[in-house]
């Protein structure tokens, strides 16, 4: 069951939009990371049920952070969010075991639909 969610994105606007959508649907946002390194550290500390991960971020990008999380926990559930959606990026995400790839901009329906596919 997915209840606790970690948001990893360098955009404060994305954090706000995701948090509003998730909390409206009774999910708990257990952490807000603003770069990939913070995301990996928070994942290990908080052990969320699901991660929303941006790709383009400072320090460690989302693909590398996802790889590190998957190495730590092969069962980690990750939804990748990105404005970049070329086939190469999507292919890399699939190779890392990313569960779902959503392109920005997103809406409430896409977010909740993606989560429901992971249950």
PDB file of N, CA and C in Angstrom:
ATOM      1  N   UNK A   1       0.844  -1.188   0.000  1.00  0.00           N
ATOM      2  CA  UNK A   1       0.000   0.000   0.000  1.00  0.00           C
ATOM      3  C   UNK A   1       0.886   1.247   0.000  1.00  0.00           C
ATOM      4  N   UNK A   2       0.560   2.168  -0.839  1.00  0.00           N
ATOM      5  CA  UNK A   2       1.331   3.407  -0.926  1.00  0.00           C
ATOM      6  C   UNK A   2       0.651   4.472  -0.074  1.00  0.00           C
ATOM      7  N   UNK A   3       1.392   4.983   0.881  1.00  0.00           N
ATOM      8  CA  UNK A   3       0.861   6.026   1.751  1.00  0.00           C
ATOM      9  C   UNK A   3       1.844   7.189   1.875  1.00  0.00           C
ATOM     10  N   UNK A   4       3.127   6.872   2.135  1.00  0.00           N
ATOM     11  CA  UNK A   4       4.147   7.889   2.390  1.00  0.00           C
ATOM     12  C   UNK A   4       4.965   8.143   1.123  1.00  0.00           C
ATOM     13  N   UNK A   5       5.071   9.415   0.743  1.00  0.00           N
ATOM     14  CA  UNK A   5       5.711   9.767  -0.526  1.00  0.00           C
ATOM     15  C   UNK A   5       6.803  10.806  -0.303  1.00  0.00           C
ATOM     16  N   UNK A   6       7.931  10.594  -0.964  1.00  0.00           N
ATOM     17  CA  UNK A   6       9.058  11.527  -0.955  1.00  0.00           C
ATOM     18  C   UNK A   6       9.078  12.265  -2.292  1.00  0.00           C
ATOM     19  N   UNK A   7       9.172  13.587  -2.243  1.00  0.00           N
ATOM     20  CA  UNK A   7       9.277  14.401  -3.456  1.00  0.00           C
ATOM     21  C   UNK A   7      10.723  14.862  -3.603  1.00  0.00           C
ATOM     22  N   UNK A   8      11.318  14.591  -4.771  1.00  0.00           N
ATOM     23  CA  UNK A   8      12.690  15.009  -5.050  1.00  0.00           C
ATOM     24  C   UNK A   8      12.661  15.855  -6.324  1.00  0.00           C
ATOM     25  N   UNK A   9      12.780  17.171  -6.154  1.00  0.00           N
ATOM     26  CA  UNK A   9      12.708  18.096  -7.282  1.00  0.00           C
ATOM     27  C   UNK A   9      13.317  19.417  -6.838  1.00  0.00           C
ATOM     28  N   UNK A  10      14.038  20.095  -7.728  1.00  0.00           N
ATOM     29  CA  UNK A  10      14.659  21.368  -7.346  1.00  0.00           C
ATOM     30  C   UNK A  10      13.713  22.552  -7.496  1.00  0.00           C
ATOM     31  N   UNK A  11      12.488  22.322  -7.959  1.00  0.00           N
ATOM     32  CA  UNK A  11      11.528  23.403  -8.152  1.00  0.00           C
ATOM     33  C   UNK A  11      10.546  23.491  -6.980  1.00  0.00           C
ATOM     34  N   UNK A  12      10.542  24.626  -6.265  1.00  0.00           N
ATOM     35  CA  UNK A  12       9.573  24.804  -5.180  1.00  0.00           C
ATOM     36  C   UNK A  12       8.124  24.735  -5.685  1.00  0.00           C
ATOM     37  N   UNK A  13       7.892  25.168  -6.912  1.00  0.00           N
ATOM     38  CA  UNK A  13       6.542  25.130  -7.474  1.00  0.00           C
ATOM     39  C   UNK A  13       6.058  23.691  -7.616  1.00  0.00           C
ATOM     40  N   UNK A  14       6.935  22.812  -8.093  1.00  0.00           N
ATOM     41  CA  UNK A  14       6.572  21.397  -8.240  1.00  0.00           C
ATOM     42  C   UNK A  14       6.266  20.792  -6.871  1.00  0.00           C
ATOM     43  N   UNK A  15       7.081  21.119  -5.873  1.00  0.00           N
ATOM     44  CA  UNK A  15       6.821  20.614  -4.517  1.00  0.00           C
ATOM     45  C   UNK A  15       5.426  21.028  -4.062  1.00  0.00           C
ATOM     46  N   UNK A  16       5.086  22.290  -4.270  1.00  0.00           N
ATOM     47  CA  UNK A  16       3.785  22.805  -3.830  1.00  0.00           C
ATOM     48  C   UNK A  16       2.644  22.121  -4.571  1.00  0.00           C
ATOM     49  N   UNK A  17       2.753  22.026  -5.895  1.00  0.00           N
ATOM     50  CA  UNK A  17       1.689  21.410  -6.688  1.00  0.00           C
ATOM     51  C   UNK A  17       1.508  19.929  -6.344  1.00  0.00           C
ATOM     52  N   UNK A  18       2.614  19.204  -6.246  1.00  0.00           N
ATOM     53  CA  UNK A  18       2.526  17.782  -5.909  1.00  0.00           C
ATOM     54  C   UNK A  18       1.951  17.588  -4.508  1.00  0.00           C
ATOM     55  N   UNK A  19       2.449  18.358  -3.551  1.00  0.00           N
ATOM     56  CA  UNK A  19       1.982  18.226  -2.168  1.00  0.00           C
ATOM     57  C   UNK A  19       0.462  18.441  -2.101  1.00  0.00           C
ATOM     58  N   UNK A  20      -0.041  19.495  -2.754  1.00  0.00           N
ATOM     59  CA  UNK A  20      -1.483  19.772  -2.736  1.00  0.00           C
ATOM     60  C   UNK A  20      -2.269  18.592  -3.300  1.00  0.00           C
ATOM     61  N   UNK A  21      -1.830  18.091  -4.439  1.00  0.00           N
ATOM     62  CA  UNK A  21      -2.518  16.965  -5.074  1.00  0.00           C
ATOM     63  C   UNK A  21      -2.471  15.726  -4.197  1.00  0.00           C
ATOM     64  N   UNK A  22      -1.304  15.401  -3.688  1.00  0.00           N
ATOM     65  CA  UNK A  22      -1.145  14.184  -2.893  1.00  0.00           C
ATOM     66  C   UNK A  22      -1.931  14.244  -1.592  1.00  0.00           C
ATOM     67  N   UNK A  23      -1.835  15.360  -0.890  1.00  0.00           N
ATOM     68  CA  UNK A  23      -2.554  15.488   0.382  1.00  0.00           C
ATOM     69  C   UNK A  23      -4.069  15.506   0.172  1.00  0.00           C
ATOM     70  N   UNK A  24      -4.522  16.062  -0.927  1.00  0.00           N
ATOM     71  CA  UNK A  24      -5.954  16.062  -1.259  1.00  0.00           C
ATOM     72  C   UNK A  24      -6.482  14.634  -1.370  1.00  0.00           C
ATOM     73  N   UNK A  25      -5.604  13.713  -1.784  1.00  0.00           N
ATOM     74  CA  UNK A  25      -5.986  12.308  -1.960  1.00  0.00           C
ATOM     75  C   UNK A  25      -5.479  11.430  -0.818  1.00  0.00           C
ATOM     76  N   UNK A  26      -5.233  12.056   0.328  1.00  0.00           N
ATOM     77  CA  UNK A  26      -4.880  11.353   1.573  1.00  0.00           C
ATOM     78  C   UNK A  26      -3.530  10.631   1.558  1.00  0.00           C
ATOM     79  N   UNK A  27      -2.603  11.109   0.746  1.00  0.00           N
ATOM     80  CA  UNK A  27      -1.228  10.610   0.821  1.00  0.00           C
ATOM     81  C   UNK A  27      -0.444  11.535   1.737  1.00  0.00           C
ATOM     82  N   UNK A  28       0.567  10.993   2.389  1.00  0.00           N
ATOM     83  CA  UNK A  28       1.428  11.794   3.261  1.00  0.00           C
ATOM     84  C   UNK A  28       2.736  12.098   2.530  1.00  0.00           C
ATOM     85  N   UNK A  29       3.074  13.367   2.413  1.00  0.00           N
ATOM     86  CA  UNK A  29       4.378  13.744   1.881  1.00  0.00           C
ATOM     87  C   UNK A  29       5.336  13.703   3.075  1.00  0.00           C
ATOM     88  N   UNK A  30       6.183  12.682   3.111  1.00  0.00           N
ATOM     89  CA  UNK A  30       7.051  12.483   4.279  1.00  0.00           C
ATOM     90  C   UNK A  30       8.378  13.220   4.146  1.00  0.00           C
ATOM     91  N   UNK A  31       8.682  13.732   2.947  1.00  0.00           N
ATOM     92  CA  UNK A  31       9.931  14.463   2.771  1.00  0.00           C
ATOM     93  C   UNK A  31       9.959  15.267   1.489  1.00  0.00           C
ATOM     94  N   UNK A  32      10.741  16.352   1.534  1.00  0.00           N
ATOM     95  CA  UNK A  32      10.939  17.236   0.384  1.00  0.00           C
ATOM     96  C   UNK A  32      12.440  17.396   0.168  1.00  0.00           C
ATOM     97  N   UNK A  33      12.958  16.763  -0.870  1.00  0.00           N
ATOM     98  CA  UNK A  33      14.376  16.897  -1.199  1.00  0.00           C
ATOM     99  C   UNK A  33      14.505  17.810  -2.410  1.00  0.00           C
ATOM    100  N   UNK A  34      15.575  18.628  -2.432  1.00  0.00           N
ATOM    101  CA  UNK A  34      15.731  19.620  -3.494  1.00  0.00           C
ATOM    102  C   UNK A  34      16.883  19.325  -4.445  1.00  0.00           C
ATOM    103  N   UNK A  35      17.538  18.190  -4.248  1.00  0.00           N
ATOM    104  CA  UNK A  35      18.537  17.710  -5.204  1.00  0.00           C
ATOM    105  C   UNK A  35      18.664  16.195  -5.019  1.00  0.00           C
ATOM    106  N   UNK A  36      19.358  15.555  -5.941  1.00  0.00           N
ATOM    107  CA  UNK A  36      19.460  14.103  -5.903  1.00  0.00           C
ATOM    108  C   UNK A  36      20.141  13.556  -4.665  1.00  0.00           C
ATOM    109  N   UNK A  37      21.172  14.229  -4.187  1.00  0.00           N
ATOM    110  CA  UNK A  37      21.869  13.748  -2.988  1.00  0.00           C
ATOM    111  C   UNK A  37      20.930  13.741  -1.785  1.00  0.00           C
ATOM    112  N   UNK A  38      20.195  14.856  -1.602  1.00  0.00           N
ATOM    113  CA  UNK A  38      19.212  14.912  -0.519  1.00  0.00           C
ATOM    114  C   UNK A  38      18.174  13.806  -0.678  1.00  0.00           C
ATOM    115  N   UNK A  39      17.764  13.558  -1.909  1.00  0.00           N
ATOM    116  CA  UNK A  39      16.765  12.524  -2.174  1.00  0.00           C
ATOM    117  C   UNK A  39      17.227  11.148  -1.732  1.00  0.00           C
ATOM    118  N   UNK A  40      18.469  10.803  -2.058  1.00  0.00           N
ATOM    119  CA  UNK A  40      19.018   9.501  -1.664  1.00  0.00           C
ATOM    120  C   UNK A  40      19.110   9.409  -0.144  1.00  0.00           C
ATOM    121  N   UNK A  41      19.622  10.452   0.486  1.00  0.00           N
ATOM    122  CA  UNK A  41      19.751  10.456   1.953  1.00  0.00           C
ATOM    123  C   UNK A  41      18.382  10.350   2.623  1.00  0.00           C
ATOM    124  N   UNK A  42      17.403  11.109   2.127  1.00  0.00           N
ATOM    125  CA  UNK A  42      16.063  11.071   2.715  1.00  0.00           C
ATOM    126  C   UNK A  42      15.395   9.716   2.487  1.00  0.00           C
ATOM    127  N   UNK A  43      15.645   9.113   1.329  1.00  0.00           N
ATOM    128  CA  UNK A  43      15.069   7.795   1.071  1.00  0.00           C
ATOM    129  C   UNK A  43      15.556   6.805   2.129  1.00  0.00           C
ATOM    130  N   UNK A  44      16.847   6.806   2.376  1.00  0.00           N
ATOM    131  CA  UNK A  44      17.417   5.876   3.358  1.00  0.00           C
ATOM    132  C   UNK A  44      16.884   6.152   4.767  1.00  0.00           C
ATOM    133  N   UNK A  45      16.703   7.409   5.086  1.00  0.00           N
ATOM    134  CA  UNK A  45      16.237   7.794   6.425  1.00  0.00           C
ATOM    135  C   UNK A  45      14.735   7.549   6.608  1.00  0.00           C
ATOM    136  N   UNK A  46      13.930   7.941   5.610  1.00  0.00           N
ATOM    137  CA  UNK A  46      12.478   7.933   5.754  1.00  0.00           C
ATOM    138  C   UNK A  46      11.799   6.657   5.260  1.00  0.00           C
ATOM    139  N   UNK A  47      12.457   5.933   4.361  1.00  0.00           N
ATOM    140  CA  UNK A  47      11.897   4.714   3.767  1.00  0.00           C
ATOM    141  C   UNK A  47      10.456   4.912   3.273  1.00  0.00           C
ATOM    142  N   UNK A  48      10.276   5.841   2.321  1.00  0.00           N
ATOM    143  CA  UNK A  48       8.926   6.108   1.800  1.00  0.00           C
ATOM    144  C   UNK A  48       8.418   4.941   0.946  1.00  0.00           C
ATOM    145  N   UNK A  49       7.113   4.944   0.704  1.00  0.00           N
ATOM    146  CA  UNK A  49       6.506   3.919  -0.151  1.00  0.00           C
ATOM    147  C   UNK A  49       6.706   4.228  -1.627  1.00  0.00           C
ATOM    148  N   UNK A  50       6.934   5.510  -1.940  1.00  0.00           N
ATOM    149  CA  UNK A  50       7.034   5.956  -3.328  1.00  0.00           C
ATOM    150  C   UNK A  50       7.856   7.235  -3.393  1.00  0.00           C
ATOM    151  N   UNK A  51       8.583   7.397  -4.504  1.00  0.00           N
ATOM    152  CA  UNK A  51       9.369   8.612  -4.738  1.00  0.00           C
ATOM    153  C   UNK A  51       8.923   9.241  -6.058  1.00  0.00           C
ATOM    154  N   UNK A  52       8.661  10.545  -6.030  1.00  0.00           N
ATOM    155  CA  UNK A  52       8.509  11.329  -7.258  1.00  0.00           C
ATOM    156  C   UNK A  52       9.857  11.993  -7.492  1.00  0.00           C
ATOM    157  N   UNK A  53      10.504  11.698  -8.624  1.00  0.00           N
ATOM    158  CA  UNK A  53      11.882  12.119  -8.890  1.00  0.00           C
ATOM    159  C   UNK A  53      11.970  12.943 -10.168  1.00  0.00           C
ATOM    160  N   UNK A  54      12.508  14.154 -10.052  1.00  0.00           N
ATOM    161  CA  UNK A  54      12.812  14.987 -11.219  1.00  0.00           C
ATOM    162  C   UNK A  54      14.106  14.450 -11.843  1.00  0.00           C
ATOM    163  N   UNK A  55      14.393  14.820 -13.078  1.00  0.00           N
ATOM    164  CA  UNK A  55      15.654  14.408 -13.702  1.00  0.00           C
ATOM    165  C   UNK A  55      16.716  15.487 -13.550  1.00  0.00           C
ATOM    166  N   UNK A  56      16.424  16.696 -13.995  1.00  0.00           N
ATOM    167  CA  UNK A  56      17.430  17.757 -14.018  1.00  0.00           C
ATOM    168  C   UNK A  56      17.461  18.479 -12.674  1.00  0.00           C
ATOM    169  N   UNK A  57      18.512  18.181 -11.886  1.00  0.00           N
ATOM    170  CA  UNK A  57      18.686  18.787 -10.564  1.00  0.00           C
ATOM    171  C   UNK A  57      20.168  18.998 -10.299  1.00  0.00           C
ATOM    172  N   UNK A  58      20.484  19.897  -9.373  1.00  0.00           N
ATOM    173  CA  UNK A  58      21.892  20.107  -9.011  1.00  0.00           C
ATOM    174  C   UNK A  58      22.444  18.954  -8.166  1.00  0.00           C
ATOM    175  N   UNK A  59      23.749  18.912  -8.065  1.00  0.00           N
ATOM    176  CA  UNK A  59      24.548  17.979  -7.265  1.00  0.00           C
ATOM    177  C   UNK A  59      24.497  16.561  -7.830  1.00  0.00           C
ATOM    178  N   UNK A  60      23.357  15.889  -7.751  1.00  0.00           N
ATOM    179  CA  UNK A  60      23.178  14.583  -8.387  1.00  0.00           C
ATOM    180  C   UNK A  60      21.864  14.640  -9.152  1.00  0.00           C
ATOM    181  N   UNK A  61      21.867  14.266 -10.429  1.00  0.00           N
ATOM    182  CA  UNK A  61      20.625  14.323 -11.195  1.00  0.00           C
ATOM    183  C   UNK A  61      19.708  13.159 -10.818  1.00  0.00           C
ATOM    184  N   UNK A  62      18.492  13.209 -11.323  1.00  0.00           N
ATOM    185  CA  UNK A  62      17.489  12.216 -10.956  1.00  0.00           C
ATOM    186  C   UNK A  62      17.797  10.805 -11.411  1.00  0.00           C
ATOM    187  N   UNK A  63      18.445  10.655 -12.559  1.00  0.00           N
ATOM    188  CA  UNK A  63      18.800   9.312 -13.018  1.00  0.00           C
ATOM    189  C   UNK A  63      19.829   8.678 -12.088  1.00  0.00           C
ATOM    190  N   UNK A  64      20.853   9.439 -11.724  1.00  0.00           N
ATOM    191  CA  UNK A  64      21.886   8.911 -10.815  1.00  0.00           C
ATOM    192  C   UNK A  64      21.294   8.654  -9.427  1.00  0.00           C
ATOM    193  N   UNK A  65      20.467   9.565  -8.938  1.00  0.00           N
ATOM    194  CA  UNK A  65      19.833   9.377  -7.627  1.00  0.00           C
ATOM    195  C   UNK A  65      18.942   8.132  -7.635  1.00  0.00           C
ATOM    196  N   UNK A  66      18.205   7.926  -8.714  1.00  0.00           N
ATOM    197  CA  UNK A  66      17.352   6.735  -8.819  1.00  0.00           C
ATOM    198  C   UNK A  66      18.191   5.464  -8.819  1.00  0.00           C
ATOM    199  N   UNK A  67      19.309   5.508  -9.528  1.00  0.00           N
ATOM    200  CA  UNK A  67      20.214   4.360  -9.558  1.00  0.00           C
ATOM    201  C   UNK A  67      20.707   4.036  -8.145  1.00  0.00           C
ATOM    202  N   UNK A  68      21.108   5.058  -7.394  1.00  0.00           N
ATOM    203  CA  UNK A  68      21.601   4.848  -6.033  1.00  0.00           C
ATOM    204  C   UNK A  68      20.496   4.314  -5.115  1.00  0.00           C
ATOM    205  N   UNK A  69      19.284   4.831  -5.271  1.00  0.00           N
ATOM    206  CA  UNK A  69      18.162   4.338  -4.467  1.00  0.00           C
ATOM    207  C   UNK A  69      17.862   2.882  -4.811  1.00  0.00           C
ATOM    208  N   UNK A  70      17.847   2.550  -6.099  1.00  0.00           N
ATOM    209  CA  UNK A  70      17.569   1.169  -6.522  1.00  0.00           C
ATOM    210  C   UNK A  70      18.674   0.211  -6.059  1.00  0.00           C
ATOM    211  N   UNK A  71      19.921   0.681  -6.003  1.00  0.00           N
ATOM    212  CA  UNK A  71      21.004  -0.157  -5.485  1.00  0.00           C
ATOM    213  C   UNK A  71      20.816  -0.406  -3.992  1.00  0.00           C
ATOM    214  N   UNK A  72      20.331   0.593  -3.282  1.00  0.00           N
ATOM    215  CA  UNK A  72      20.082   0.480  -1.843  1.00  0.00           C
ATOM    216  C   UNK A  72      18.856  -0.397  -1.576  1.00  0.00           C
ATOM    217  N   UNK A  73      17.803  -0.214  -2.379  1.00  0.00           N
ATOM    218  CA  UNK A  73      16.546  -0.931  -2.205  1.00  0.00           C
ATOM    219  C   UNK A  73      15.980  -1.288  -3.571  1.00  0.00           C
ATOM    220  N   UNK A  74      16.198  -2.507  -3.977  1.00  0.00           N
ATOM    221  CA  UNK A  74      15.745  -2.956  -5.288  1.00  0.00           C
ATOM    222  C   UNK A  74      14.236  -2.914  -5.471  1.00  0.00           C
ATOM    223  N   UNK A  75      13.490  -2.814  -4.374  1.00  0.00           N
ATOM    224  CA  UNK A  75      12.030  -2.765  -4.433  1.00  0.00           C
ATOM    225  C   UNK A  75      11.489  -1.330  -4.433  1.00  0.00           C
ATOM    226  N   UNK A  76      12.377  -0.350  -4.418  1.00  0.00           N
ATOM    227  CA  UNK A  76      11.949   1.058  -4.373  1.00  0.00           C
ATOM    228  C   UNK A  76      11.026   1.369  -5.548  1.00  0.00           C
ATOM    229  N   UNK A  77       9.969   2.104  -5.268  1.00  0.00           N
ATOM    230  CA  UNK A  77       9.024   2.529  -6.306  1.00  0.00           C
ATOM    231  C   UNK A  77       9.315   3.994  -6.629  1.00  0.00           C
ATOM    232  N   UNK A  78       9.579   4.256  -7.905  1.00  0.00           N
ATOM    233  CA  UNK A  78       9.950   5.603  -8.338  1.00  0.00           C
ATOM    234  C   UNK A  78       9.131   6.005  -9.557  1.00  0.00           C
ATOM    235  N   UNK A  79       8.545   7.197  -9.473  1.00  0.00           N
ATOM    236  CA  UNK A  79       7.898   7.815 -10.629  1.00  0.00           C
ATOM    237  C   UNK A  79       8.772   8.988 -11.033  1.00  0.00           C
ATOM    238  N   UNK A  80       9.258   8.949 -12.262  1.00  0.00           N
ATOM    239  CA  UNK A  80      10.127  10.012 -12.768  1.00  0.00           C
ATOM    240  C   UNK A  80       9.272  11.099 -13.391  1.00  0.00           C
ATOM    241  N   UNK A  81       9.553  12.347 -13.011  1.00  0.00           N
ATOM    242  CA  UNK A  81       8.879  13.524 -13.563  1.00  0.00           C
ATOM    243  C   UNK A  81       9.909  14.361 -14.297  1.00  0.00           C
ATOM    244  N   UNK A  82       9.624  14.720 -15.522  1.00  0.00           N
ATOM    245  CA  UNK A  82      10.593  15.552 -16.226  1.00  0.00           C
ATOM    246  C   UNK A  82       9.969  16.301 -17.382  1.00  0.00           C
ATOM    247  N   UNK A  83      10.520  17.473 -17.634  1.00  0.00           N
ATOM    248  CA  UNK A  83      10.151  18.223 -18.829  1.00  0.00           C
ATOM    249  C   UNK A  83      10.863  17.619 -20.035  1.00  0.00           C
ATOM    250  N   UNK A  84      11.963  16.915 -19.754  1.00  0.00           N
ATOM    251  CA  UNK A  84      12.720  16.248 -20.819  1.00  0.00           C
ATOM    252  C   UNK A  84      12.104  14.871 -21.029  1.00  0.00           C
ATOM    253  N   UNK A  85      11.758  14.548 -22.258  1.00  0.00           N
ATOM    254  CA  UNK A  85      11.126  13.261 -22.475  1.00  0.00           C
ATOM    255  C   UNK A  85      11.601  12.572 -23.727  1.00  0.00           C
ATOM    256  N   UNK A  86      12.859  12.827 -24.113  1.00  0.00           N
ATOM    257  CA  UNK A  86      13.318  12.179 -25.335  1.00  0.00           C
ATOM    258  C   UNK A  86      13.540  10.684 -25.076  1.00  0.00           C
ATOM    259  N   UNK A  87      13.585   9.922 -26.152  1.00  0.00           N
ATOM    260  CA  UNK A  87      13.653   8.467 -26.055  1.00  0.00           C
ATOM    261  C   UNK A  87      14.885   7.983 -25.295  1.00  0.00           C
ATOM    262  N   UNK A  88      16.010   8.699 -25.419  1.00  0.00           N
ATOM    263  CA  UNK A  88      17.227   8.302 -24.720  1.00  0.00           C
ATOM    264  C   UNK A  88      17.044   8.373 -23.203  1.00  0.00           C
ATOM    265  N   UNK A  89      16.458   9.467 -22.735  1.00  0.00           N
ATOM    266  CA  UNK A  89      16.220   9.646 -21.295  1.00  0.00           C
ATOM    267  C   UNK A  89      15.240   8.586 -20.789  1.00  0.00           C
ATOM    268  N   UNK A  90      14.156   8.376 -21.529  1.00  0.00           N
ATOM    269  CA  UNK A  90      13.158   7.379 -21.128  1.00  0.00           C
ATOM    270  C   UNK A  90      13.796   5.991 -21.108  1.00  0.00           C
ATOM    271  N   UNK A  91      14.641   5.689 -22.081  1.00  0.00           N
ATOM    272  CA  UNK A  91      15.349   4.404 -22.119  1.00  0.00           C
ATOM    273  C   UNK A  91      16.255   4.217 -20.914  1.00  0.00           C
ATOM    274  N   UNK A  92      16.979   5.262 -20.545  1.00  0.00           N
ATOM    275  CA  UNK A  92      17.844   5.181 -19.358  1.00  0.00           C
ATOM    276  C   UNK A  92      17.015   4.937 -18.104  1.00  0.00           C
ATOM    277  N   UNK A  93      15.889   5.616 -17.994  1.00  0.00           N
ATOM    278  CA  UNK A  93      15.014   5.451 -16.833  1.00  0.00           C
ATOM    279  C   UNK A  93      14.492   4.015 -16.763  1.00  0.00           C
ATOM    280  N   UNK A  94      14.092   3.469 -17.899  1.00  0.00           N
ATOM    281  CA  UNK A  94      13.599   2.086 -17.931  1.00  0.00           C
ATOM    282  C   UNK A  94      14.694   1.102 -17.533  1.00  0.00           C
ATOM    283  N   UNK A  95      15.909   1.325 -18.003  1.00  0.00           N
ATOM    284  CA  UNK A  95      17.028   0.451 -17.639  1.00  0.00           C
ATOM    285  C   UNK A  95      17.293   0.452 -16.134  1.00  0.00           C
ATOM    286  N   UNK A  96      17.050   1.592 -15.489  1.00  0.00           N
ATOM    287  CA  UNK A  96      17.255   1.695 -14.048  1.00  0.00           C
ATOM    288  C   UNK A  96      16.110   1.079 -13.254  1.00  0.00           C
ATOM    289  N   UNK A  97      15.040   0.708 -13.944  1.00  0.00           N
ATOM    290  CA  UNK A  97      13.898   0.128 -13.248  1.00  0.00           C
ATOM    291  C   UNK A  97      12.890   1.153 -12.764  1.00  0.00           C
ATOM    292  N   UNK A  98      12.899   2.337 -13.393  1.00  0.00           N
ATOM    293  CA  UNK A  98      11.914   3.356 -13.039  1.00  0.00           C
ATOM    294  C   UNK A  98      10.539   2.812 -13.424  1.00  0.00           C
ATOM    295  N   UNK A  99       9.609   2.925 -12.507  1.00  0.00           N
ATOM    296  CA  UNK A  99       8.302   2.323 -12.708  1.00  0.00           C
ATOM    297  C   UNK A  99       7.449   3.081 -13.726  1.00  0.00           C
ATOM    298  N   UNK A 100       7.414   4.398 -13.609  1.00  0.00           N
ATOM    299  CA  UNK A 100       6.583   5.217 -14.492  1.00  0.00           C
ATOM    300  C   UNK A 100       7.325   6.509 -14.814  1.00  0.00           C
ATOM    301  N   UNK A 101       7.192   6.973 -16.041  1.00  0.00           N
ATOM    302  CA  UNK A 101       7.817   8.211 -16.494  1.00  0.00           C
ATOM    303  C   UNK A 101       6.710   9.171 -16.893  1.00  0.00           C
ATOM    304  N   UNK A 102       6.593  10.302 -16.193  1.00  0.00           N
ATOM    305  CA  UNK A 102       5.591  11.318 -16.517  1.00  0.00           C
ATOM    306  C   UNK A 102       6.280  12.583 -17.010  1.00  0.00           C
ATOM    307  N   UNK A 103       5.735  13.147 -18.074  1.00  0.00           N
ATOM    308  CA  UNK A 103       6.275  14.406 -18.582  1.00  0.00           C
ATOM    309  C   UNK A 103       5.574  15.581 -17.921  1.00  0.00           C
ATOM    310  N   UNK A 104       6.374  16.610 -17.616  1.00  0.00           N
ATOM    311  CA  UNK A 104       5.799  17.871 -17.137  1.00  0.00           C
ATOM    312  C   UNK A 104       5.317  18.642 -18.355  1.00  0.00           C
ATOM    313  N   UNK A 105       4.286  19.432 -18.295  1.00  0.00           N
ATOM    314  CA  UNK A 105       3.466  19.641 -17.108  1.00  0.00           C
ATOM    315  C   UNK A 105       2.562  18.437 -16.872  1.00  0.00           C
ATOM    316  N   UNK A 106       2.178  18.245 -15.633  1.00  0.00           N
ATOM    317  CA  UNK A 106       1.295  17.156 -15.270  1.00  0.00           C
ATOM    318  C   UNK A 106       0.061  17.742 -14.617  1.00  0.00           C
ATOM    319  N   UNK A 107      -0.953  16.903 -14.452  1.00  0.00           N
ATOM    320  CA  UNK A 107      -2.156  17.351 -13.760  1.00  0.00           C
ATOM    321  C   UNK A 107      -2.516  16.324 -12.694  1.00  0.00           C
ATOM    322  N   UNK A 108      -3.519  16.650 -11.923  1.00  0.00           N
ATOM    323  CA  UNK A 108      -3.927  15.791 -10.814  1.00  0.00           C
ATOM    324  C   UNK A 108      -4.271  14.384 -11.297  1.00  0.00           C
ATOM    325  N   UNK A 109      -4.982  14.288 -12.404  1.00  0.00           N
ATOM    326  CA  UNK A 109      -5.387  12.980 -12.921  1.00  0.00           C
ATOM    327  C   UNK A 109      -4.166  12.115 -13.246  1.00  0.00           C
ATOM    328  N   UNK A 110      -3.166  12.683 -13.922  1.00  0.00           N
ATOM    329  CA  UNK A 110      -1.976  11.917 -14.285  1.00  0.00           C
ATOM    330  C   UNK A 110      -1.235  11.414 -13.042  1.00  0.00           C
ATOM    331  N   UNK A 111      -1.152  12.262 -12.019  1.00  0.00           N
ATOM    332  CA  UNK A 111      -0.446  11.892 -10.788  1.00  0.00           C
ATOM    333  C   UNK A 111      -1.160  10.737 -10.090  1.00  0.00           C
ATOM    334  N   UNK A 112      -2.456  10.883  -9.860  1.00  0.00           N
ATOM    335  CA  UNK A 112      -3.209   9.865  -9.134  1.00  0.00           C
ATOM    336  C   UNK A 112      -3.311   8.586  -9.962  1.00  0.00           C
ATOM    337  N   UNK A 113      -3.452   8.710 -11.255  1.00  0.00           N
ATOM    338  CA  UNK A 113      -3.485   7.547 -12.135  1.00  0.00           C
ATOM    339  C   UNK A 113      -2.171   6.765 -12.075  1.00  0.00           C
ATOM    340  N   UNK A 114      -1.048   7.489 -12.081  1.00  0.00           N
ATOM    341  CA  UNK A 114       0.264   6.841 -12.014  1.00  0.00           C
ATOM    342  C   UNK A 114       0.429   6.086 -10.697  1.00  0.00           C
ATOM    343  N   UNK A 115       0.000   6.698  -9.594  1.00  0.00           N
ATOM    344  CA  UNK A 115       0.105   6.022  -8.299  1.00  0.00           C
ATOM    345  C   UNK A 115      -0.763   4.771  -8.281  1.00  0.00           C
ATOM    346  N   UNK A 116      -1.968   4.857  -8.817  1.00  0.00           N
ATOM    347  CA  UNK A 116      -2.878   3.704  -8.788  1.00  0.00           C
ATOM    348  C   UNK A 116      -2.323   2.536  -9.589  1.00  0.00           C
ATOM    349  N   UNK A 117      -1.517   2.794 -10.604  1.00  0.00           N
ATOM    350  CA  UNK A 117      -0.893   1.721 -11.386  1.00  0.00           C
ATOM    351  C   UNK A 117       0.171   0.975 -10.593  1.00  0.00           C
ATOM    352  N   UNK A 118       0.639   1.578  -9.507  1.00  0.00           N
ATOM    353  CA  UNK A 118       1.729   0.983  -8.738  1.00  0.00           C
ATOM    354  C   UNK A 118       1.244   0.185  -7.542  1.00  0.00           C
ATOM    355  N   UNK A 119      -0.057   0.221  -7.289  1.00  0.00           N
ATOM    356  CA  UNK A 119      -0.601  -0.467  -6.107  1.00  0.00           C
ATOM    357  C   UNK A 119      -0.793  -1.943  -6.404  1.00  0.00           C
TER     358      UNK A 119
END
